[in-house]
Amino acid sequence: MATTRKFTELRARMSPESQARAEAQAQAMLAEMPLNELRQARGLSQKMLAEVLQVQQPSIAKLERRTDMYLSTLRSHIEAMGGELEVIARFPDGAVRISNFSSLDREQAS
């Protein structure tokens, strides 16, 4: 029968290179995730998010399964979780933050 060990003990026995590699993989996984996992990582239930957005819980479930949506819908969802949506275009020679969409809130407020 195998003995159980704490992760911290196992990690301490890893080489510094292995620890760095594991940390990089963990950060990559955290940097990219579907909406439902992001919501869960933020400690929110679908019901809680639905209350903030003033919609029914099934609407949140449906939105989280969508692969295509308006940026305004995605922005509302992200802001309800306490975040801010940025649109970034990545090219081989660099990345550009698209600023058109940040003005949408100001225009809609007018």
Protein backbone atom coordinates (compact mmCIF):
# COMPACT_ATOMS: atom_id res chain seq x y z
CA MET A 1 0.00 0.00 0.00
CA ALA A 2 1.36 3.41 -1.01
CA THR A 3 1.81 6.05 1.64
CA THR A 4 0.29 9.44 1.11
CA ARG A 5 2.42 12.57 1.22
CA LYS A 6 1.65 16.22 1.26
CA PHE A 7 2.19 18.06 -2.00
CA THR A 8 4.56 20.47 -0.27
CA GLU A 9 6.79 17.54 0.70
CA LEU A 10 6.81 16.19 -2.84
CA ARG A 11 7.49 19.62 -4.29
CA ALA A 12 10.40 20.17 -1.90
CA ARG A 13 12.02 17.00 -3.22
CA MET A 14 11.76 18.20 -6.85
CA SER A 15 14.77 19.74 -8.54
CA PRO A 16 14.67 23.54 -8.96
CA GLU A 17 14.29 22.99 -12.72
CA SER A 18 11.28 20.71 -12.18
CA GLN A 19 9.74 23.19 -9.74
CA ALA A 20 10.15 26.01 -12.27
CA ARG A 21 8.66 23.88 -15.05
CA ALA A 22 5.67 22.93 -12.86
CA GLU A 23 5.13 26.57 -11.89
CA ALA A 24 5.23 27.67 -15.54
CA GLN A 25 2.68 25.01 -16.49
CA ALA A 26 0.41 26.04 -13.61
CA GLN A 27 0.60 29.71 -14.64
CA ALA A 28 -0.16 28.81 -18.28
CA MET A 29 -3.23 26.87 -17.17
CA LEU A 30 -4.42 29.79 -15.03
CA ALA A 31 -3.83 32.27 -17.86
CA GLU A 32 -6.29 30.51 -20.17
CA MET A 33 -9.56 28.93 -19.13
CA PRO A 34 -13.20 28.68 -20.19
CA LEU A 35 -15.75 31.08 -18.66
CA ASN A 36 -17.25 28.46 -16.34
CA GLU A 37 -13.83 27.63 -14.88
CA LEU A 38 -13.03 31.32 -14.53
CA ARG A 39 -16.30 31.87 -12.65
CA GLN A 40 -15.55 28.93 -10.35
CA ALA A 41 -11.97 30.11 -9.79
CA ARG A 42 -13.39 33.48 -8.71
CA GLY A 43 -15.56 31.65 -6.14
CA LEU A 44 -18.87 32.46 -7.82
CA SER A 45 -21.83 30.21 -8.52
CA GLN A 46 -24.01 30.58 -11.60
CA LYS A 47 -26.81 31.74 -9.31
CA MET A 48 -24.64 34.45 -7.73
CA LEU A 49 -23.53 35.72 -11.14
CA ALA A 50 -27.10 35.65 -12.42
CA GLU A 51 -28.18 37.87 -9.51
CA VAL A 52 -25.46 40.42 -10.30
CA LEU A 53 -26.41 40.45 -13.99
CA GLN A 54 -30.15 40.42 -13.16
CA VAL A 55 -30.85 37.34 -15.30
CA GLN A 56 -31.96 33.79 -14.56
CA GLN A 57 -29.38 31.12 -13.70
CA PRO A 58 -30.07 29.08 -16.90
CA SER A 59 -28.99 32.14 -18.90
CA ILE A 60 -25.56 31.96 -17.26
CA ALA A 61 -25.28 28.23 -18.01
CA LYS A 62 -26.20 28.87 -21.65
CA LEU A 63 -23.75 31.76 -21.98
CA GLU A 64 -20.91 29.66 -20.56
CA ARG A 65 -21.47 27.02 -23.26
CA ARG A 66 -21.48 29.49 -26.15
CA THR A 67 -18.52 29.73 -28.48
CA ASP A 68 -19.70 32.95 -30.15
CA MET A 69 -21.14 36.03 -28.45
CA TYR A 70 -21.18 39.81 -28.56
CA LEU A 71 -18.24 41.55 -26.92
CA SER A 72 -20.72 43.57 -24.86
CA THR A 73 -22.17 40.34 -23.45
CA LEU A 74 -18.73 39.00 -22.61
CA ARG A 75 -17.73 42.37 -21.10
CA SER A 76 -20.80 42.35 -18.82
CA HIS A 77 -20.05 38.80 -17.73
CA ILE A 78 -16.41 39.60 -16.93
CA GLU A 79 -17.27 42.84 -15.12
CA ALA A 80 -19.89 41.02 -13.03
CA MET A 81 -17.04 38.81 -11.81
CA GLY A 82 -15.03 41.90 -10.88
CA GLY A 83 -12.79 41.90 -13.94
CA GLU A 84 -12.13 44.07 -16.96
CA LEU A 85 -12.23 42.83 -20.55
CA GLU A 86 -9.39 43.73 -22.89
CA VAL A 87 -9.21 42.76 -26.56
CA ILE A 88 -5.66 42.06 -27.71
CA ALA A 89 -4.54 41.12 -31.22
CA ARG A 90 -1.30 39.10 -31.29
CA PHE A 91 1.00 39.14 -34.31
CA PRO A 92 4.40 37.56 -34.90
CA ASP A 93 6.04 40.95 -34.36
CA GLY A 94 4.04 41.96 -31.26
CA ALA A 95 0.67 42.46 -29.62
CA VAL A 96 -1.76 45.38 -29.91
CA ARG A 97 -4.55 46.22 -27.47
CA ILE A 98 -7.65 47.13 -29.49
CA SER A 99 -9.02 50.32 -27.93
CA ASN A 100 -12.30 50.66 -29.88
CA PHE A 101 -14.15 48.56 -27.36
CA SER A 102 -13.09 50.48 -24.27
CA SER A 103 -15.03 53.47 -25.57
CA LEU A 104 -18.27 51.47 -25.75
CA ASP A 105 -19.04 52.03 -22.07
CA ARG A 106 -18.53 55.78 -22.35
CA GLU A 107 -20.75 55.97 -25.45
CA GLN A 108 -23.50 53.84 -23.88
CA ALA A 109 -23.43 55.96 -20.71
CA SER A 110 -24.06 59.15 -22.73
